[in-house]
All heavy atoms as atom14 arrays in JSON, in Angstrom:
{
  "sequence": "LMGYVKRTADDSNVVLTVVNLDHRRVRSGWMRFPLEQF",
  "atom14_mask": [
    [1, 1, 1, 1, 1, 1, 1, 1, 0, 0, 0, 0, 0, 0],
    [1, 1, 1, 1, 1, 1, 1, 1, 0, 0, 0, 0, 0, 0],
    [1, 1, 1, 1, 0, 0, 0, 0, 0, 0, 0, 0, 0, 0],
    [1, 1, 1, 1, 1, 1, 1, 1, 1, 1, 1, 1, 0, 0],
    [1, 1, 1, 1, 1, 1, 1, 0, 0, 0, 0, 0, 0, 0],
    [1, 1, 1, 1, 1, 1, 1, 1, 1, 0, 0, 0, 0, 0],
    [1, 1, 1, 1, 1, 1, 1, 1, 1, 1, 1, 0, 0, 0],
    [1, 1, 1, 1, 1, 1, 1, 0, 0, 0, 0, 0, 0, 0],
    [1, 1, 1, 1, 1, 0, 0, 0, 0, 0, 0, 0, 0, 0],
    [1, 1, 1, 1, 1, 1, 1, 1, 0, 0, 0, 0, 0, 0],
    [1, 1, 1, 1, 1, 1, 1, 1, 0, 0, 0, 0, 0, 0],
    [1, 1, 1, 1, 1, 1, 0, 0, 0, 0, 0, 0, 0, 0],
    [1, 1, 1, 1, 1, 1, 1, 1, 0, 0, 0, 0, 0, 0],
    [1, 1, 1, 1, 1, 1, 1, 0, 0, 0, 0, 0, 0, 0],
    [1, 1, 1, 1, 1, 1, 1, 0, 0, 0, 0, 0, 0, 0],
    [1, 1, 1, 1, 1, 1, 1, 1, 0, 0, 0, 0, 0, 0],
    [1, 1, 1, 1, 1, 1, 1, 0, 0, 0, 0, 0, 0, 0],
    [1, 1, 1, 1, 1, 1, 1, 0, 0, 0, 0, 0, 0, 0],
    [1, 1, 1, 1, 1, 1, 1, 0, 0, 0, 0, 0, 0, 0],
    [1, 1, 1, 1, 1, 1, 1, 1, 0, 0, 0, 0, 0, 0],
    [1, 1, 1, 1, 1, 1, 1, 1, 0, 0, 0, 0, 0, 0],
    [1, 1, 1, 1, 1, 1, 1, 1, 0, 0, 0, 0, 0, 0],
    [1, 1, 1, 1, 1, 1, 1, 1, 1, 1, 0, 0, 0, 0],
    [1, 1, 1, 1, 1, 1, 1, 1, 1, 1, 1, 0, 0, 0],
    [1, 1, 1, 1, 1, 1, 1, 1, 1, 1, 1, 0, 0, 0],
    [1, 1, 1, 1, 1, 1, 1, 0, 0, 0, 0, 0, 0, 0],
    [1, 1, 1, 1, 1, 1, 1, 1, 1, 1, 1, 0, 0, 0],
    [1, 1, 1, 1, 1, 1, 0, 0, 0, 0, 0, 0, 0, 0],
    [1, 1, 1, 1, 0, 0, 0, 0, 0, 0, 0, 0, 0, 0],
    [1, 1, 1, 1, 1, 1, 1, 1, 1, 1, 1, 1, 1, 1],
    [1, 1, 1, 1, 1, 1, 1, 1, 0, 0, 0, 0, 0, 0],
    [1, 1, 1, 1, 1, 1, 1, 1, 1, 1, 1, 0, 0, 0],
    [1, 1, 1, 1, 1, 1, 1, 1, 1, 1, 1, 0, 0, 0],
    [1, 1, 1, 1, 1, 1, 1, 0, 0, 0, 0, 0, 0, 0],
    [1, 1, 1, 1, 1, 1, 1, 1, 0, 0, 0, 0, 0, 0],
    [1, 1, 1, 1, 1, 1, 1, 1, 1, 0, 0, 0, 0, 0],
    [1, 1, 1, 1, 1, 1, 1, 1, 1, 0, 0, 0, 0, 0],
    [1, 1, 1, 1, 1, 1, 1, 1, 1, 1, 1, 0, 0, 0]
  ],
  "atom14_positions": [
    [[144.92, 72.31, 81.87], [143.97, 71.93, 82.92], [143.43, 73.18, 83.61], [144.19, 74.02, 84.07], [144.63, 71.02, 83.95], [145.05, 69.62, 83.47], [145.64, 68.83, 84.63], [143.86, 68.87, 82.87], [0.0, 0.0, 0.0], [0.0, 0.0, 0.0], [0.0, 0.0, 0.0], [0.0, 0.0, 0.0], [0.0, 0.0, 0.0], [0.0, 0.0, 0.0]],
    [[142.12, 73.29, 83.67], [141.47, 74.44, 84.29], [140.52, 73.94, 85.37], [139.75, 72.99, 85.15], [140.7, 75.26, 83.26], [140.09, 76.54, 83.82], [139.37, 77.61, 82.54], [137.85, 76.73, 82.21], [0.0, 0.0, 0.0], [0.0, 0.0, 0.0], [0.0, 0.0, 0.0], [0.0, 0.0, 0.0], [0.0, 0.0, 0.0], [0.0, 0.0, 0.0]],
    [[140.56, 74.56, 86.54], [139.69, 74.16, 87.64], [139.0, 75.36, 88.27], [139.54, 76.47, 88.29], [0.0, 0.0, 0.0], [0.0, 0.0, 0.0], [0.0, 0.0, 0.0], [0.0, 0.0, 0.0], [0.0, 0.0, 0.0], [0.0, 0.0, 0.0], [0.0, 0.0, 0.0], [0.0, 0.0, 0.0], [0.0, 0.0, 0.0], [0.0, 0.0, 0.0]],
    [[137.8, 75.13, 88.78], [137.05, 76.21, 89.42], [136.05, 75.63, 90.42], [135.57, 74.52, 90.29], [136.33, 77.09, 88.39], [135.68, 76.35, 87.25], [134.32, 76.02, 87.27], [136.42, 75.99, 86.12], [133.72, 75.36, 86.21], [135.83, 75.33, 85.05], [134.49, 75.01, 85.1], [133.9, 74.35, 84.05], [0.0, 0.0, 0.0], [0.0, 0.0, 0.0]],
    [[135.8, 76.44, 91.44], [134.93, 76.06, 92.54], [133.67, 76.91, 92.5], [133.72, 78.11, 92.26], [135.63, 76.25, 93.9], [134.68, 75.95, 95.06], [136.87, 75.38, 94.0], [0.0, 0.0, 0.0], [0.0, 0.0, 0.0], [0.0, 0.0, 0.0], [0.0, 0.0, 0.0], [0.0, 0.0, 0.0], [0.0, 0.0, 0.0], [0.0, 0.0, 0.0]],
    [[132.53, 76.25, 92.75], [131.27, 76.97, 92.99], [130.73, 76.51, 94.33], [130.81, 75.33, 94.67], [130.26, 76.71, 91.87], [130.6, 77.43, 90.57], [129.41, 77.45, 89.64], [129.65, 78.4, 88.46], [128.45, 78.52, 87.61], [0.0, 0.0, 0.0], [0.0, 0.0, 0.0], [0.0, 0.0, 0.0], [0.0, 0.0, 0.0], [0.0, 0.0, 0.0]],
    [[130.16, 77.46, 95.08], [129.71, 77.15, 96.44], [128.45, 77.93, 96.76], [128.24, 79.04, 96.26], [130.81, 77.52, 97.44], [131.24, 78.95, 97.33], [132.6, 79.23, 97.94], [132.56, 79.28, 99.39], [133.53, 79.8, 100.12], [134.63, 80.3, 99.53], [133.46, 79.82, 101.43], [0.0, 0.0, 0.0], [0.0, 0.0, 0.0], [0.0, 0.0, 0.0]],
    [[127.59, 77.33, 97.59], [126.42, 78.05, 98.08], [126.86, 79.02, 99.17], [127.95, 78.91, 99.73], [125.37, 77.08, 98.63], [125.98, 76.23, 99.61], [124.79, 76.22, 97.51], [0.0, 0.0, 0.0], [0.0, 0.0, 0.0], [0.0, 0.0, 0.0], [0.0, 0.0, 0.0], [0.0, 0.0, 0.0], [0.0, 0.0, 0.0], [0.0, 0.0, 0.0]],
    [[125.98, 79.95, 99.52], [126.33, 80.98, 100.49], [126.68, 80.39, 101.85], [127.54, 80.91, 102.56], [125.18, 81.97, 100.63], [0.0, 0.0, 0.0], [0.0, 0.0, 0.0], [0.0, 0.0, 0.0], [0.0, 0.0, 0.0], [0.0, 0.0, 0.0], [0.0, 0.0, 0.0], [0.0, 0.0, 0.0], [0.0, 0.0, 0.0], [0.0, 0.0, 0.0]],
    [[126.03, 79.28, 102.22], [126.3, 78.65, 103.52], [127.29, 77.5, 103.43], [127.51, 76.79, 104.42], [124.99, 78.16, 104.15], [124.27, 77.12, 103.29], [124.79, 76.79, 102.19], [123.2, 76.66, 103.7], [0.0, 0.0, 0.0], [0.0, 0.0, 0.0], [0.0, 0.0, 0.0], [0.0, 0.0, 0.0], [0.0, 0.0, 0.0], [0.0, 0.0, 0.0]],
    [[127.89, 77.3, 102.25], [128.87, 76.24, 102.02], [128.31, 74.83, 102.23], [129.06, 73.87, 102.43], [130.11, 76.43, 102.91], [130.96, 77.6, 102.45], [130.86, 77.97, 101.27], [131.72, 78.14, 103.27], [0.0, 0.0, 0.0], [0.0, 0.0, 0.0], [0.0, 0.0, 0.0], [0.0, 0.0, 0.0], [0.0, 0.0, 0.0], [0.0, 0.0, 0.0]],
    [[126.98, 74.71, 102.17], [126.39, 73.38, 102.29], [126.58, 72.56, 101.02], [126.45, 71.33, 101.04], [124.9, 73.49, 102.61], [124.22, 74.19, 101.58], [0.0, 0.0, 0.0], [0.0, 0.0, 0.0], [0.0, 0.0, 0.0], [0.0, 0.0, 0.0], [0.0, 0.0, 0.0], [0.0, 0.0, 0.0], [0.0, 0.0, 0.0], [0.0, 0.0, 0.0]],
    [[126.88, 73.22, 99.93], [127.14, 72.53, 98.67], [128.33, 73.2, 97.99], [128.31, 74.4, 97.7], [125.91, 72.58, 97.76], [126.09, 71.77, 96.48], [125.93, 72.28, 95.38], [126.41, 70.5, 96.59], [0.0, 0.0, 0.0], [0.0, 0.0, 0.0], [0.0, 0.0, 0.0], [0.0, 0.0, 0.0], [0.0, 0.0, 0.0], [0.0, 0.0, 0.0]],
    [[129.39, 72.43, 97.78], [130.61, 72.92, 97.15], [130.95, 71.98, 96.0], [131.04, 70.76, 96.19], [131.78, 72.97, 98.16], [133.04, 73.48, 97.47], [131.42, 73.85, 99.35], [0.0, 0.0, 0.0], [0.0, 0.0, 0.0], [0.0, 0.0, 0.0], [0.0, 0.0, 0.0], [0.0, 0.0, 0.0], [0.0, 0.0, 0.0], [0.0, 0.0, 0.0]],
    [[131.13, 72.53, 94.82], [131.42, 71.73, 93.63], [132.71, 72.23, 93.0], [132.89, 73.43, 92.76], [130.26, 71.8, 92.62], [130.6, 71.03, 91.35], [128.97, 71.26, 93.24], [0.0, 0.0, 0.0], [0.0, 0.0, 0.0], [0.0, 0.0, 0.0], [0.0, 0.0, 0.0], [0.0, 0.0, 0.0], [0.0, 0.0, 0.0], [0.0, 0.0, 0.0]],
    [[133.6, 71.3, 92.71], [134.87, 71.59, 92.04], [134.86, 70.93, 90.67], [134.66, 69.72, 90.56], [136.03, 71.04, 92.87], [137.4, 70.94, 92.18], [137.94, 72.33, 91.86], [138.39, 70.16, 93.05], [0.0, 0.0, 0.0], [0.0, 0.0, 0.0], [0.0, 0.0, 0.0], [0.0, 0.0, 0.0], [0.0, 0.0, 0.0], [0.0, 0.0, 0.0]],
    [[135.05, 71.72, 89.62], [135.12, 71.21, 88.25], [136.54, 71.34, 87.74], [137.17, 72.4, 87.9], [134.16, 71.97, 87.33], [132.83, 71.89, 87.84], [134.18, 71.4, 85.92], [0.0, 0.0, 0.0], [0.0, 0.0, 0.0], [0.0, 0.0, 0.0], [0.0, 0.0, 0.0], [0.0, 0.0, 0.0], [0.0, 0.0, 0.0], [0.0, 0.0, 0.0]],
    [[137.06, 70.27, 87.14], [138.38, 70.28, 86.52], [138.22, 69.8, 85.08], [137.63, 68.74, 84.86], [139.39, 69.39, 87.27], [140.77, 69.54, 86.67], [139.41, 69.7, 88.76], [0.0, 0.0, 0.0], [0.0, 0.0, 0.0], [0.0, 0.0, 0.0], [0.0, 0.0, 0.0], [0.0, 0.0, 0.0], [0.0, 0.0, 0.0], [0.0, 0.0, 0.0]],
    [[138.7, 70.58, 84.13], [138.51, 70.26, 82.71], [139.86, 70.22, 82.0], [140.7, 71.11, 82.2], [137.6, 71.31, 82.02], [137.31, 70.9, 80.58], [136.3, 71.48, 82.8], [0.0, 0.0, 0.0], [0.0, 0.0, 0.0], [0.0, 0.0, 0.0], [0.0, 0.0, 0.0], [0.0, 0.0, 0.0], [0.0, 0.0, 0.0], [0.0, 0.0, 0.0]],
    [[140.06, 69.2, 81.17], [141.2, 69.13, 80.27], [140.78, 69.78, 78.95], [139.93, 69.25, 78.23], [141.61, 67.67, 80.04], [142.81, 67.54, 79.11], [143.36, 68.53, 78.63], [143.22, 66.3, 78.85], [0.0, 0.0, 0.0], [0.0, 0.0, 0.0], [0.0, 0.0, 0.0], [0.0, 0.0, 0.0], [0.0, 0.0, 0.0], [0.0, 0.0, 0.0]],
    [[141.33, 70.94, 78.65], [140.96, 71.67, 77.44], [141.59, 71.08, 76.18], [141.23, 71.48, 75.07], [141.36, 73.14, 77.57], [140.75, 73.89, 78.77], [141.28, 75.32, 78.82], [139.23, 73.89, 78.69], [0.0, 0.0, 0.0], [0.0, 0.0, 0.0], [0.0, 0.0, 0.0], [0.0, 0.0, 0.0], [0.0, 0.0, 0.0], [0.0, 0.0, 0.0]],
    [[142.51, 70.14, 76.35], [143.19, 69.49, 75.22], [142.45, 68.21, 74.87], [142.46, 67.25, 75.63], [144.64, 69.2, 75.6], [145.46, 68.66, 74.42], [144.88, 68.41, 73.34], [146.68, 68.49, 74.6], [0.0, 0.0, 0.0], [0.0, 0.0, 0.0], [0.0, 0.0, 0.0], [0.0, 0.0, 0.0], [0.0, 0.0, 0.0], [0.0, 0.0, 0.0]],
    [[141.81, 68.18, 73.69], [141.03, 67.01, 73.29], [141.91, 65.89, 72.75], [141.41, 64.79, 72.48], [140.01, 67.4, 72.22], [140.63, 67.9, 70.95], [141.04, 69.21, 70.8], [140.91, 67.28, 69.77], [141.54, 69.38, 69.59], [141.47, 68.22, 68.94], [0.0, 0.0, 0.0], [0.0, 0.0, 0.0], [0.0, 0.0, 0.0], [0.0, 0.0, 0.0]],
    [[143.22, 66.13, 72.61], [144.1, 65.15, 71.96], [144.92, 64.32, 72.93], [145.25, 63.17, 72.62], [145.08, 65.89, 71.02], [144.4, 66.65, 69.88], [145.28, 67.75, 69.34], [145.54, 68.76, 70.39], [146.14, 69.92, 70.16], [146.52, 70.24, 68.94], [146.34, 70.78, 71.14], [0.0, 0.0, 0.0], [0.0, 0.0, 0.0], [0.0, 0.0, 0.0]],
    [[145.26, 64.89, 74.11], [146.24, 64.23, 74.96], [145.78, 64.15, 76.41], [145.03, 65.0, 76.89], [147.57, 65.01, 74.94], [148.3, 64.99, 73.61], [149.58, 65.81, 73.7], [150.42, 65.39, 74.83], [151.51, 66.03, 75.23], [151.88, 67.13, 74.6], [152.21, 65.57, 76.24], [0.0, 0.0, 0.0], [0.0, 0.0, 0.0], [0.0, 0.0, 0.0]],
    [[146.28, 63.09, 77.09], [146.12, 62.99, 78.54], [146.94, 64.11, 79.18], [148.09, 64.34, 78.81], [146.6, 61.61, 79.06], [146.51, 61.56, 80.58], [145.8, 60.48, 78.42], [0.0, 0.0, 0.0], [0.0, 0.0, 0.0], [0.0, 0.0, 0.0], [0.0, 0.0, 0.0], [0.0, 0.0, 0.0], [0.0, 0.0, 0.0], [0.0, 0.0, 0.0]],
    [[146.33, 64.81, 80.13], [147.02, 65.89, 80.83], [146.89, 65.67, 82.34], [145.84, 65.26, 82.83], [146.43, 67.25, 80.47], [146.58, 67.63, 79.0], [148.01, 68.01, 78.66], [148.14, 68.41, 77.25], [149.24, 68.88, 76.72], [150.34, 69.02, 77.46], [149.29, 69.2, 75.44], [0.0, 0.0, 0.0], [0.0, 0.0, 0.0], [0.0, 0.0, 0.0]],
    [[147.96, 65.94, 83.06], [147.96, 65.77, 84.51], [148.66, 66.95, 85.16], [149.43, 67.67, 84.51], [148.65, 64.46, 84.9], [150.0, 64.46, 84.47], [0.0, 0.0, 0.0], [0.0, 0.0, 0.0], [0.0, 0.0, 0.0], [0.0, 0.0, 0.0], [0.0, 0.0, 0.0], [0.0, 0.0, 0.0], [0.0, 0.0, 0.0], [0.0, 0.0, 0.0]],
    [[148.41, 67.13, 86.44], [149.04, 68.22, 87.17], [148.66, 68.2, 88.63], [147.89, 67.35, 89.09], [0.0, 0.0, 0.0], [0.0, 0.0, 0.0], [0.0, 0.0, 0.0], [0.0, 0.0, 0.0], [0.0, 0.0, 0.0], [0.0, 0.0, 0.0], [0.0, 0.0, 0.0], [0.0, 0.0, 0.0], [0.0, 0.0, 0.0], [0.0, 0.0, 0.0]],
    [[149.19, 69.15, 89.37], [148.91, 69.29, 90.79], [148.02, 70.5, 91.0], [148.32, 71.6, 90.55], [150.21, 69.43, 91.59], [150.95, 68.13, 91.68], [151.87, 67.63, 90.82], [150.77, 67.15, 92.7], [152.29, 66.39, 91.22], [151.64, 66.07, 92.4], [149.99, 67.07, 93.86], [151.73, 64.93, 93.19], [150.08, 65.94, 94.66], [150.94, 64.89, 94.32]],
    [[146.9, 70.25, 91.67], [145.89, 71.28, 91.85], [145.84, 71.7, 93.32], [145.83, 70.86, 94.22], [144.52, 70.76, 91.44], [143.4, 71.8, 91.55], [141.79, 71.04, 91.33], [141.74, 70.02, 92.81], [0.0, 0.0, 0.0], [0.0, 0.0, 0.0], [0.0, 0.0, 0.0], [0.0, 0.0, 0.0], [0.0, 0.0, 0.0], [0.0, 0.0, 0.0]],
    [[145.79, 73.01, 93.52], [145.68, 73.54, 94.88], [144.23, 73.92, 95.17], [143.68, 74.84, 94.55], [146.58, 74.77, 95.08], [146.52, 75.34, 96.48], [147.32, 76.63, 96.6], [147.23, 77.15, 97.96], [146.23, 77.93, 98.4], [145.24, 78.26, 97.59], [146.23, 78.35, 99.66], [0.0, 0.0, 0.0], [0.0, 0.0, 0.0], [0.0, 0.0, 0.0]],
    [[143.62, 73.23, 96.14], [142.26, 73.57, 96.55], [142.34, 74.64, 97.64], [143.07, 74.49, 98.62], [141.52, 72.34, 97.08], [140.07, 72.6, 97.34], [139.15, 72.52, 96.32], [139.63, 72.94, 98.61], [137.8, 72.78, 96.55], [138.3, 73.21, 98.86], [137.38, 73.12, 97.82], [0.0, 0.0, 0.0], [0.0, 0.0, 0.0], [0.0, 0.0, 0.0]],
    [[141.58, 75.73, 97.52], [141.72, 76.87, 98.45], [141.03, 76.64, 99.79], [140.0, 77.24, 100.1], [141.07, 78.02, 97.67], [140.02, 77.35, 96.84], [140.59, 76.01, 96.45], [0.0, 0.0, 0.0], [0.0, 0.0, 0.0], [0.0, 0.0, 0.0], [0.0, 0.0, 0.0], [0.0, 0.0, 0.0], [0.0, 0.0, 0.0], [0.0, 0.0, 0.0]],
    [[141.62, 75.78, 100.61], [141.02, 75.45, 101.9], [140.85, 76.68, 102.79], [139.91, 76.74, 103.61], [141.88, 74.4, 102.61], [141.82, 72.98, 102.02], [142.95, 72.12, 102.59], [140.48, 72.35, 102.31], [0.0, 0.0, 0.0], [0.0, 0.0, 0.0], [0.0, 0.0, 0.0], [0.0, 0.0, 0.0], [0.0, 0.0, 0.0], [0.0, 0.0, 0.0]],
    [[141.74, 77.66, 102.65], [141.66, 78.84, 103.51], [140.37, 79.62, 103.29], [139.88, 80.31, 104.2], [142.87, 79.75, 103.28], [142.91, 80.5, 101.96], [143.35, 79.64, 100.79], [143.75, 78.47, 101.01], [143.32, 80.13, 99.64], [0.0, 0.0, 0.0], [0.0, 0.0, 0.0], [0.0, 0.0, 0.0], [0.0, 0.0, 0.0], [0.0, 0.0, 0.0]],
    [[139.77, 79.5, 102.09], [138.5, 80.2, 101.84], [137.37, 79.63, 102.66], [136.33, 80.26, 102.84], [138.16, 80.13, 100.35], [139.1, 80.89, 99.44], [138.65, 80.86, 97.99], [137.52, 80.48, 97.68], [139.55, 81.25, 97.09], [0.0, 0.0, 0.0], [0.0, 0.0, 0.0], [0.0, 0.0, 0.0], [0.0, 0.0, 0.0], [0.0, 0.0, 0.0]],
    [[137.56, 78.42, 103.18], [136.54, 77.76, 103.98], [136.93, 77.74, 105.47], [136.33, 77.01, 106.26], [136.32, 76.34, 103.47], [135.87, 76.29, 102.04], [136.79, 76.28, 100.99], [134.52, 76.29, 101.72], [136.38, 76.25, 99.67], [134.1, 76.26, 100.39], [135.03, 76.25, 99.37], [0.0, 0.0, 0.0], [0.0, 0.0, 0.0], [0.0, 0.0, 0.0]]
  ]
}
């Protein structure tokens, strides 16, 4: 599982993408969103 954030300079638009790179199996996990950056 890979996740990444993209944000505008003023943080008016924030997008988080999470992708399962394994095409064969269901994958789950715990993701930490970097609230301190905001």
